[in-house]
Protein backbone atom coordinates (compact mmCIF):
# COMPACT_ATOMS: atom_id res chain seq x y z
CA UNK A 1 -48.77 -23.62 2.44
CA UNK A 2 -46.24 -20.81 2.95
CA UNK A 3 -47.65 -17.68 4.71
CA UNK A 4 -47.87 -14.53 2.64
CA UNK A 5 -45.32 -11.84 3.34
CA UNK A 6 -46.51 -8.44 4.40
CA UNK A 7 -45.50 -6.84 1.13
CA UNK A 8 -46.98 -9.54 -1.18
CA UNK A 9 -49.69 -8.56 -3.64
CA UNK A 10 -53.12 -10.07 -2.74
CA UNK A 11 -54.63 -12.49 -5.26
CA UNK A 12 -58.05 -11.69 -6.82
CA UNK A 13 -60.91 -13.72 -5.28
CA UNK A 14 -62.53 -16.29 -7.50
CA UNK A 15 -65.86 -15.27 -9.11
CA UNK A 16 -68.95 -15.70 -7.01
CA UNK A 17 -67.06 -15.53 -3.74
CA UNK A 18 -67.11 -12.43 -1.59
CA UNK A 19 -63.70 -10.91 -0.91
CA UNK A 20 -62.91 -11.03 2.77
CA UNK A 21 -61.54 -7.75 3.93
CA UNK A 22 -59.15 -7.62 6.82
CA UNK A 23 -57.49 -4.52 8.19
CA UNK A 24 -53.86 -4.39 6.98
CA UNK A 25 -51.17 -4.21 9.62
CA UNK A 26 -48.89 -1.20 9.38
CA UNK A 27 -45.40 -2.44 8.60
CA UNK A 28 -42.26 -0.58 9.50
CA UNK A 29 -39.68 -0.46 6.77
CA UNK A 30 -37.22 -2.09 9.18
CA UNK A 31 -39.52 -4.93 10.15
CA UNK A 32 -37.71 -7.50 8.05
CA UNK A 33 -34.43 -6.39 9.56
CA UNK A 34 -35.80 -6.79 13.08
CA UNK A 35 -36.99 -10.30 12.33
CA UNK A 36 -33.55 -11.29 11.08
CA UNK A 37 -31.90 -9.90 14.18
CA UNK A 38 -34.39 -11.67 16.45
CA UNK A 39 -33.45 -15.01 14.95
CA UNK A 40 -29.69 -14.45 15.11
CA UNK A 41 -27.94 -16.47 17.81
CA UNK A 42 -26.49 -14.59 20.74
CA UNK A 43 -23.07 -15.02 22.28
CA UNK A 44 -23.92 -17.92 24.55
CA UNK A 45 -26.61 -16.06 26.57
CA UNK A 46 -30.32 -16.98 26.54
CA UNK A 47 -32.24 -15.06 23.93
CA UNK A 48 -34.99 -12.85 25.18
CA UNK A 49 -38.27 -13.67 23.38
CA UNK A 50 -39.19 -10.95 20.94
CA UNK A 51 -42.62 -9.44 20.82
CA UNK A 52 -44.84 -10.47 17.91
CA UNK A 53 -46.04 -8.04 15.34
CA UNK A 54 -49.60 -8.27 16.71
CA UNK A 55 -48.42 -7.12 20.13
CA UNK A 56 -46.38 -4.26 18.69
CA UNK A 57 -49.31 -3.05 16.59
CA UNK A 58 -51.73 -3.13 19.53
CA UNK A 59 -52.74 0.40 20.52
CA UNK A 60 -52.09 -0.29 24.22
CA UNK A 61 -48.68 -1.85 23.67
CA UNK A 62 -45.74 0.08 25.10
CA UNK A 63 -43.19 0.89 22.45
CA UNK A 64 -39.57 0.51 23.49
CA UNK A 65 -36.72 1.54 21.24
CA UNK A 66 -34.64 -1.36 19.94
CA UNK A 67 -31.18 -1.62 21.49
CA UNK A 68 -28.36 -1.51 18.98
CA UNK A 69 -26.44 -4.73 18.60
CA UNK A 70 -22.69 -4.44 19.05
CA UNK A 71 -20.44 -7.05 17.44
CA UNK A 72 -17.03 -7.36 18.98
CA UNK A 73 -14.07 -8.18 16.78
CA UNK A 74 -12.72 -11.66 17.43
CA UNK A 75 -9.73 -11.73 19.71
CA UNK A 76 -6.54 -13.54 18.86
CA UNK A 77 -5.06 -15.72 21.54
CA UNK A 78 -1.42 -16.68 21.12
CA UNK A 79 -1.76 -20.19 22.55
CA UNK A 80 -5.05 -21.36 21.06
CA UNK A 81 -5.83 -21.27 17.38
CA UNK A 82 -9.11 -22.34 15.82
CA UNK A 83 -7.50 -24.61 13.23
CA UNK A 84 -4.23 -26.40 12.95
CA UNK A 85 -2.28 -26.66 9.72
CA UNK A 86 -3.54 -30.16 9.00
CA UNK A 87 -7.20 -29.24 9.23
CA UNK A 88 -6.82 -25.93 7.45
CA UNK A 89 -4.60 -27.42 4.78
CA UNK A 90 -7.11 -30.13 3.90
CA UNK A 91 -9.97 -27.66 3.58
CA UNK A 92 -8.39 -24.55 2.09
CA UNK A 93 -8.34 -25.54 -1.55
CA UNK A 94 -11.69 -27.32 -1.51
CA UNK A 95 -13.82 -25.09 0.69
CA UNK A 96 -12.46 -21.56 0.60
CA UNK A 97 -11.85 -20.87 -3.07
CA UNK A 98 -13.52 -17.90 -4.73
CA UNK A 99 -15.61 -18.62 -7.79
CA UNK A 100 -15.80 -16.62 -11.00
CA UNK A 101 -19.26 -15.45 -10.03
CA UNK A 102 -17.89 -13.60 -7.02
CA UNK A 103 -19.09 -16.10 -4.42
CA UNK A 104 -17.02 -17.90 -1.83
CA UNK A 105 -17.30 -21.50 -0.81
CA UNK A 106 -17.17 -21.91 2.97
CA UNK A 107 -17.40 -25.32 4.57
CA UNK A 108 -18.68 -26.87 1.35
CA UNK A 109 -21.55 -24.35 1.00
CA UNK A 110 -21.51 -21.65 -1.65
CA UNK A 111 -22.29 -18.31 -0.04
CA UNK A 112 -22.72 -14.83 -1.43
CA UNK A 113 -19.58 -12.79 -1.36
CA UNK A 114 -19.66 -10.21 1.42
CA UNK A 115 -16.16 -8.75 1.15
CA UNK A 116 -16.86 -5.69 -1.00
CA UNK A 117 -15.84 -3.43 1.89
CA UNK A 118 -12.65 -5.42 2.28
CA UNK A 119 -11.94 -5.03 -1.43
CA UNK A 120 -12.41 -1.29 -1.15
CA UNK A 121 -9.96 -1.03 1.75
CA UNK A 122 -7.30 -3.14 0.03
CA UNK A 123 -7.66 -1.36 -3.31
CA UNK A 124 -7.19 1.92 -1.47
CA UNK A 125 -3.98 0.57 0.12
CA UNK A 126 -2.69 -0.57 -3.27
CA UNK A 127 -3.40 2.85 -4.72
CA UNK A 128 -1.27 4.43 -1.99
CA UNK A 129 1.57 1.99 -2.75
CA UNK A 130 1.76 2.87 -6.44
CA UNK A 131 5.04 4.34 -7.62
CA UNK A 132 4.60 7.59 -9.53
CA UNK A 133 5.74 7.42 -13.17
CA UNK A 134 7.97 10.44 -12.84
CA UNK A 135 9.66 9.07 -9.70
CA UNK A 136 10.12 5.71 -11.43
CA UNK A 137 11.65 7.31 -14.51
CA UNK A 138 14.03 9.53 -12.54
CA UNK A 139 15.21 6.69 -10.30
CA UNK A 140 15.74 4.36 -13.26
CA UNK A 141 17.83 6.95 -15.10
CA UNK A 142 20.05 7.53 -12.05
CA UNK A 143 20.63 3.84 -11.43
CA UNK A 144 21.26 3.00 -15.09
CA UNK A 145 23.85 5.77 -15.42
CA UNK A 146 25.77 4.53 -12.38
CA UNK A 147 25.59 0.83 -13.28
CA UNK A 148 26.59 1.43 -16.91
CA UNK A 149 29.68 3.39 -15.79
CA UNK A 150 30.62 0.58 -13.37
CA UNK A 151 30.09 -2.05 -16.04
CA UNK A 152 32.28 -0.19 -18.52
CA UNK A 153 35.07 0.31 -15.96
CA UNK A 154 35.05 -3.30 -14.78
CA UNK A 155 35.15 -4.65 -18.34
CA UNK A 156 38.11 -2.51 -19.37
CA UNK A 157 40.17 -2.55 -16.17
CA UNK A 158 40.04 -6.26 -15.26
CA UNK A 159 41.02 -9.30 -17.29
CA UNK A 160 38.71 -11.40 -15.12
CA UNK A 161 35.48 -9.62 -15.93
CA UNK A 162 35.77 -8.78 -19.64
CA UNK A 163 32.67 -10.86 -20.47
CA UNK A 164 30.57 -9.51 -17.61
CA UNK A 165 26.94 -8.61 -18.40
CA UNK A 166 24.06 -6.84 -16.64
CA UNK A 167 21.03 -8.81 -15.41
CA UNK A 168 18.40 -6.66 -13.66
CA UNK A 169 16.59 -8.65 -10.96
CA UNK A 170 14.47 -8.06 -7.86
CA UNK A 171 11.09 -6.55 -7.07
CA UNK A 172 11.50 -3.35 -9.10
CA UNK A 173 12.00 -5.26 -12.34
CA UNK A 174 9.28 -7.76 -11.40
CA UNK A 175 6.82 -4.85 -11.08
CA UNK A 176 6.04 -5.68 -7.46
CA UNK A 177 8.01 -2.86 -5.84
CA UNK A 178 5.92 -0.81 -3.43
CA UNK A 179 5.83 2.80 -2.22
CA UNK A 180 9.06 4.29 -3.57
CA UNK A 181 11.69 3.28 -6.19
CA UNK A 182 14.38 3.35 -3.50
CA UNK A 183 15.88 -0.15 -3.88
CA UNK A 184 17.38 -1.81 -6.94
CA UNK A 185 19.05 -5.18 -7.43
CA UNK A 186 21.46 -5.62 -10.33
CA UNK A 187 23.38 -8.83 -10.98
CA UNK A 188 26.59 -8.55 -13.00
CA UNK A 189 27.18 -12.02 -14.38
CA UNK A 190 30.27 -13.85 -15.57
CA UNK A 191 29.66 -16.85 -17.86
CA UNK A 192 31.40 -20.12 -16.90
CA UNK A 193 31.47 -23.40 -18.80
CA UNK A 194 32.50 -26.95 -17.96
CA UNK A 195 32.26 -26.61 -14.18
CA UNK A 196 31.57 -29.25 -11.59
CA UNK A 197 29.34 -28.57 -8.60
CA UNK A 198 29.58 -30.29 -5.23
CA UNK A 199 26.91 -29.81 -2.60
CA UNK A 200 28.26 -27.82 0.31
CA UNK A 201 25.21 -28.29 2.54
CA UNK A 202 22.53 -30.93 2.95
CA UNK A 203 19.77 -28.59 1.72
CA UNK A 204 21.03 -28.24 -1.85
CA UNK A 205 21.23 -24.44 -1.87
CA UNK A 206 25.02 -24.01 -1.51
CA UNK A 207 27.75 -25.46 -3.72
CA UNK A 208 31.49 -25.52 -4.17
CA UNK A 209 32.61 -24.96 -7.77
CA UNK A 210 35.58 -26.40 -9.63
CA UNK A 211 36.62 -26.41 -13.28
CA UNK A 212 36.84 -29.55 -15.36
CA UNK A 213 39.97 -30.45 -17.33
CA UNK A 214 42.30 -27.64 -18.47
CA UNK A 215 40.02 -24.61 -18.22
CA UNK A 216 40.86 -21.76 -20.60
CA UNK A 217 39.73 -18.87 -18.47
CA UNK A 218 41.54 -16.21 -16.42
CA UNK A 219 39.31 -17.18 -13.49
CA UNK A 220 41.79 -19.97 -12.72
CA UNK A 221 43.66 -17.33 -10.70
CA UNK A 222 40.88 -17.67 -8.10
CA UNK A 223 41.18 -21.45 -7.88
CA UNK A 224 42.48 -22.70 -4.51
CA UNK A 225 44.94 -25.53 -3.98
CA UNK A 226 42.13 -28.06 -3.64
CA UNK A 227 40.71 -26.98 -7.03
CA UNK A 228 37.82 -24.91 -5.62
CA UNK A 229 36.89 -21.63 -7.27
CA UNK A 230 36.97 -19.19 -4.34
CA UNK A 231 33.81 -17.11 -4.03
CA UNK A 232 35.47 -14.94 -1.40
CA UNK A 233 38.51 -14.05 -3.53
CA UNK A 234 36.41 -13.29 -6.60
CA UNK A 235 34.12 -11.02 -4.59
CA UNK A 236 37.11 -9.14 -3.12
CA UNK A 237 38.47 -8.50 -6.64
CA UNK A 238 35.04 -7.49 -7.94
CA UNK A 239 34.43 -5.13 -5.04
CA UNK A 240 37.80 -3.44 -5.61
CA UNK A 241 36.88 -2.56 -9.20
CA UNK A 242 33.42 -1.30 -8.24
CA UNK A 243 34.98 1.04 -5.65
CA UNK A 244 37.46 2.30 -8.26
CA UNK A 245 34.61 2.99 -10.70
CA UNK A 246 32.61 5.03 -8.18
CA UNK A 247 35.48 7.07 -6.74
CA UNK A 248 34.86 10.11 -8.95
CA UNK A 249 31.07 9.71 -9.14
CA UNK A 250 29.02 12.46 -7.56
CA UNK A 251 26.48 11.48 -4.87
CA UNK A 252 27.54 7.81 -4.91
CA UNK A 253 28.86 6.08 -1.80
CA UNK A 254 29.92 2.46 -1.26
CA UNK A 255 28.63 1.00 2.00
CA UNK A 256 30.68 -1.23 4.25
CA UNK A 257 30.65 -4.91 3.42
CA UNK A 258 28.13 -6.98 5.37
CA UNK A 259 29.00 -10.44 6.61
CA UNK A 260 27.94 -13.15 4.16
CA UNK A 261 26.36 -10.63 1.78
CA UNK A 262 27.02 -11.22 -1.95
CA UNK A 263 26.32 -7.60 -2.92
CA UNK A 264 28.34 -4.43 -3.17
CA UNK A 265 25.81 -1.93 -1.86
CA UNK A 266 25.83 1.61 -3.23
CA UNK A 267 23.95 4.60 -1.94
CA UNK A 268 22.97 6.76 -4.91
CA UNK A 269 21.47 9.75 -3.12
CA UNK A 270 18.30 8.32 -1.59
CA UNK A 271 18.44 5.06 -3.60
CA UNK A 272 20.05 1.83 -2.41
CA UNK A 273 21.58 -0.27 -5.19
CA UNK A 274 22.78 -3.84 -4.59
CA UNK A 275 25.27 -4.94 -7.24
CA UNK A 276 25.71 -8.69 -7.03
CA UNK A 277 28.45 -10.73 -8.67
CA UNK A 278 27.08 -13.90 -10.25
CA UNK A 279 28.39 -16.91 -12.14
CA UNK A 280 26.23 -17.74 -15.14
CA UNK A 281 26.40 -21.54 -15.27
CA UNK A 282 25.79 -23.14 -18.64
CA UNK A 283 24.97 -26.79 -18.02
CA UNK A 284 22.97 -29.59 -19.60
CA UNK A 285 20.61 -29.58 -16.61
CA UNK A 286 19.91 -27.89 -13.32
CA UNK A 287 21.30 -29.47 -10.11
CA UNK A 288 19.65 -32.70 -8.94
CA UNK A 289 18.21 -31.03 -5.81
CA UNK A 290 15.86 -29.01 -8.04
CA UNK A 291 14.17 -32.15 -9.41
CA UNK A 292 11.16 -32.01 -7.07
CA UNK A 293 10.74 -28.24 -7.22
CA UNK A 294 9.48 -25.72 -9.78
CA UNK A 295 6.11 -27.49 -10.19
CA UNK A 296 4.48 -25.10 -12.64
CA UNK A 297 3.04 -27.51 -15.23
CA UNK A 298 -0.60 -27.21 -14.04
CA UNK A 299 -0.18 -23.46 -13.71
CA UNK A 300 1.90 -22.26 -16.67
CA UNK A 301 2.18 -25.39 -18.80
CA UNK A 302 4.77 -27.94 -19.86
CA UNK A 303 6.27 -25.83 -22.65
CA UNK A 304 6.88 -22.84 -20.37
CA UNK A 305 8.60 -25.06 -17.82
CA UNK A 306 10.77 -26.65 -20.50
CA UNK A 307 11.77 -23.23 -21.85
CA UNK A 308 12.72 -21.99 -18.38
CA UNK A 309 14.75 -25.11 -17.61
CA UNK A 310 16.76 -24.66 -20.80
CA UNK A 311 18.12 -21.38 -19.42
CA UNK A 312 21.32 -21.18 -17.33
CA UNK A 313 21.20 -20.81 -13.57
CA UNK A 314 23.30 -18.52 -11.41
CA UNK A 315 25.60 -18.82 -8.41
CA UNK A 316 26.26 -15.88 -6.07
CA UNK A 317 29.03 -15.56 -3.45
CA UNK A 318 26.84 -15.87 -0.35
CA UNK A 319 27.27 -18.05 2.71
CA UNK A 320 25.54 -18.59 6.05
CA UNK A 321 27.11 -19.05 9.43
CA UNK A 322 30.81 -18.37 9.92
CA UNK A 323 33.04 -17.90 6.90
CA UNK A 324 35.71 -20.21 8.28
CA UNK A 325 33.30 -23.10 8.86
CA UNK A 326 34.77 -25.99 6.91
CA UNK A 327 33.35 -28.98 5.09
CA UNK A 328 35.66 -31.43 3.32
CA UNK A 329 38.39 -28.82 3.13
CA UNK A 330 36.16 -26.05 1.72
CA UNK A 331 35.41 -22.97 3.80
CA UNK A 332 31.88 -21.57 3.87
CA UNK A 333 33.03 -18.21 2.50
CA UNK A 334 34.31 -19.93 -0.65
CA UNK A 335 30.96 -21.61 -1.40
CA UNK A 336 28.28 -20.27 -3.75
CA UNK A 337 24.51 -20.12 -3.35
CA UNK A 338 22.24 -21.04 -6.25
CA UNK A 339 19.95 -18.35 -7.64
CA UNK A 340 16.93 -18.45 -9.97
CA UNK A 341 16.04 -14.76 -9.73
CA UNK A 342 15.85 -14.45 -13.53
CA UNK A 343 13.26 -17.27 -13.65
CA UNK A 344 11.25 -15.66 -10.84
CA UNK A 345 11.21 -12.41 -12.79
CA UNK A 346 10.02 -14.24 -15.91
CA UNK A 347 7.23 -15.98 -13.97
CA UNK A 348 5.93 -12.82 -12.32
CA UNK A 349 5.95 -10.88 -15.59
CA UNK A 350 3.96 -13.65 -17.34
CA UNK A 351 2.04 -15.09 -14.43
CA UNK A 352 -1.32 -16.14 -15.90
CA UNK A 353 -2.46 -19.60 -16.89
CA UNK A 354 -3.92 -17.79 -19.93
CA UNK A 355 -1.51 -15.78 -22.07
CA UNK A 356 -3.82 -12.76 -22.03
CA UNK A 357 -3.98 -12.53 -18.23
CA UNK A 358 -3.62 -8.88 -17.13
CA UNK A 359 -3.01 -7.76 -20.72
CA UNK A 360 -5.15 -5.20 -22.50
CA UNK A 361 -8.39 -6.94 -23.41
CA UNK A 362 -7.66 -9.87 -21.12
CA UNK A 363 -8.98 -10.74 -17.69
CA UNK A 364 -7.40 -9.09 -14.65
CA UNK A 365 -6.02 -11.21 -11.83
CA UNK A 366 -4.77 -10.11 -8.41
CA UNK A 367 -1.65 -12.27 -7.96
CA UNK A 368 0.76 -9.33 -7.93
CA UNK A 369 -1.61 -7.23 -5.85
CA UNK A 370 -1.73 -9.94 -3.20
CA UNK A 371 2.07 -10.12 -3.15
CA UNK A 372 2.33 -6.35 -2.77
CA UNK A 373 -0.11 -6.40 0.13
CA UNK A 374 1.71 -9.27 1.87
CA UNK A 375 5.07 -7.55 1.44
CA UNK A 376 3.62 -4.29 2.73
CA UNK A 377 2.06 -6.01 5.75
CA UNK A 378 5.34 -7.75 6.59
CA UNK A 379 7.35 -4.53 6.18
CA UNK A 380 4.98 -2.57 8.42
CA UNK A 381 5.02 -5.29 11.09
CA UNK A 382 8.83 -5.43 10.97
CA UNK A 383 9.03 -1.67 11.52
CA UNK A 384 6.66 -1.98 14.45
CA UNK A 385 8.42 -5.03 15.96
CA UNK A 386 12.03 -4.93 14.67
CA UNK A 387 13.46 -7.15 17.40
CA UNK A 388 10.92 -9.97 17.12
CA UNK A 389 10.61 -10.01 13.29
CA UNK A 390 14.15 -9.24 12.09
CA UNK A 391 14.59 -12.73 10.57
CA UNK A 392 11.60 -12.45 8.23
CA UNK A 393 12.05 -10.93 4.77
CA UNK A 394 10.20 -10.20 1.54
CA UNK A 395 11.63 -13.18 -0.38
CA UNK A 396 9.62 -15.42 1.94
CA UNK A 397 6.48 -13.53 0.93
CA UNK A 398 7.27 -14.03 -2.77
CA UNK A 399 7.85 -17.75 -2.20
CA UNK A 400 4.49 -18.05 -0.41
CA UNK A 401 2.81 -16.50 -3.46
CA UNK A 402 4.58 -18.86 -5.88
CA UNK A 403 3.43 -21.88 -3.87
CA UNK A 404 -0.08 -20.40 -3.71
CA UNK A 405 -0.16 -20.02 -7.51
CA UNK A 406 0.79 -23.68 -7.91
CA UNK A 407 -1.93 -24.67 -5.44
CA UNK A 408 -4.53 -22.46 -7.14
CA UNK A 409 -3.34 -22.41 -10.78
CA UNK A 410 -6.41 -21.03 -12.56
CA UNK A 411 -6.81 -17.34 -13.31
CA UNK A 412 -10.43 -17.59 -12.14
CA UNK A 413 -9.09 -18.33 -8.65
CA UNK A 414 -7.28 -14.96 -8.59
CA UNK A 415 -9.90 -12.61 -10.00
CA UNK A 416 -9.33 -8.98 -9.10
CA UNK A 417 -13.00 -8.75 -8.03
CA UNK A 418 -12.14 -11.30 -5.30
CA UNK A 419 -9.05 -9.46 -4.04
CA UNK A 420 -10.07 -9.60 -0.37
CA UNK A 421 -10.74 -13.36 -0.45
CA UNK A 422 -7.55 -14.09 -2.38
CA UNK A 423 -5.44 -12.04 0.02
CA UNK A 424 -7.03 -13.80 3.00
CA UNK A 425 -6.18 -17.15 1.40
CA UNK A 426 -2.58 -16.03 0.89
CA UNK A 427 -2.43 -15.07 4.57
CA UNK A 428 -3.77 -18.54 5.40
CA UNK A 429 -0.96 -20.03 3.29
CA UNK A 430 1.66 -17.95 5.10
CA UNK A 431 0.27 -18.86 8.51
CA UNK A 432 0.31 -22.58 7.66
CA UNK A 433 3.98 -22.34 6.76
CA UNK A 434 4.68 -20.50 10.01
CA UNK A 435 2.74 -23.05 12.04
CA UNK A 436 4.69 -25.95 10.57
CA UNK A 437 7.97 -24.03 10.56
CA UNK A 438 8.51 -25.05 6.94
CA UNK A 439 8.61 -22.87 3.79
CA UNK A 440 10.32 -24.84 1.00
CA UNK A 441 12.37 -22.92 -1.54
CA UNK A 442 10.34 -22.86 -4.77
CA UNK A 443 13.15 -24.38 -6.84
CA UNK A 444 15.06 -26.33 -4.17
CA UNK A 445 12.31 -27.79 -1.93
CA UNK A 446 14.80 -29.32 0.54
CA UNK A 447 15.94 -25.79 1.44
CA UNK A 448 13.72 -24.37 4.19
CA UNK A 449 13.47 -20.57 4.02
CA UNK A 450 12.28 -20.45 7.65
CA UNK A 451 15.44 -22.15 8.88
CA UNK A 452 17.07 -18.80 9.66
CA UNK A 453 14.09 -17.88 11.88
CA UNK A 454 13.42 -21.28 13.44
CA UNK A 455 12.44 -19.75 16.80
CA UNK A 456 8.87 -21.03 17.25
CA UNK A 457 8.02 -18.17 19.62
CA UNK A 458 8.86 -15.60 16.95
CA UNK A 459 6.85 -17.52 14.39
CA UNK A 460 3.86 -17.60 16.76
CA UNK A 461 4.36 -13.89 17.40
CA UNK A 462 4.12 -13.15 13.67
CA UNK A 463 1.02 -15.36 13.38
CA UNK A 464 -0.67 -13.43 16.19
CA UNK A 465 0.27 -10.11 14.58
CA UNK A 466 -1.24 -11.19 11.25
CA UNK A 467 -4.44 -12.48 12.87
CA UNK A 468 -4.82 -9.32 14.91
CA UNK A 469 -4.52 -7.19 11.77
CA UNK A 470 -6.94 -9.23 9.67
CA UNK A 471 -9.54 -9.37 12.47
CA UNK A 472 -9.52 -5.56 12.71
CA UNK A 473 -9.47 -4.66 9.00
CA UNK A 474 -5.69 -4.04 8.95
CA UNK A 475 -5.32 -0.88 11.05
CA UNK A 476 -1.57 -0.95 10.29
CA UNK A 477 -2.38 0.01 6.70
CA UNK A 478 -4.05 3.26 7.76
């Protein structure tokens, strides 16, 4: 028989039996709390036996004030981690997923959610990262005016770019820009048909481009002797026309060209605008190296994937390494890198497994909020440790989220009420990629986005920074 609790209501005695009266013990309102603390395990030291309630209520017993219990935050050691990627990877999806009821499954046991304070902190951070409507409107007007003038000039002054079109891309147009509307990415695209692609690297991200039989396009002027369409020469011509268009513009400056960068960067007062030249490739199918990527069927559905894959893909004049590095007669600076930024924008704008996700009247998820927080954390850490973390960038954070959405495809696994748990899971995902040194491109899985920062010491350094922040409630956000 279970003993009665102190606060339980006494049952009425059966008829004919005298009710036994016993003096009731005075109970402190914190008695239940003290009993819980007495049974909690200590940090490896023998537990001192606690006095019973009878002893404490005795009139001769000496009352001693209870010592407050101090809980130290767990320390992060750079050389010893509690779980490796194999162990964590096998358990993450099955044991740490939040449920629709607001509980979290830990180690196979469903526990009550205890992260309400964490939610409050993170929601406060997100509120501080919101872009004001007026600032957004003013920045958009400035950028649109400049880009429209450039587009008009380039179309009318160059026979090569008469069919050029504007394609807004990047975090601002994906609605995941944070803090200030101070960075914009605009791709100006030139359509090309009947082209042949040859892999320039083993990863499937870079290609040399050539036209098939008798092309009827003025772009043949940029074709080299070996038949390759020169990315370098096209970018030089494009940059020349952009500079001409901005010469008489007030408060617009063109920055110096950066090595291997596909963009012409403008400074429009306090706003940085990257204008990227892109080839819009119309083909029957995407390149073969994308076959094992873009696994969104369980998340967004077969029809959505089919619709996306029917769209063209883009090539931008970007290279890695030295521009004069040569492969089969083609220099690196004349190669093109594949881009699916328009597909990424489409995914993030319609990111729910249900069509009503995050719409008025629909359920609210926290996918974008988690991405904003991860980008903000990475940006703050980079500002604090610029030397150690210079090779990490926000596109890696977006790729981690896309992989996380494939791994946890249901909207119920990203409920806004579980923001803290979902963000912690996304951090776990990022750390696993850092531990293995592998972050596959979402569309071209053979292309490792951590290849440029393959220094294991720097990856461990970032892991330790992340763990230190999460163990101390993210002081870098304050």
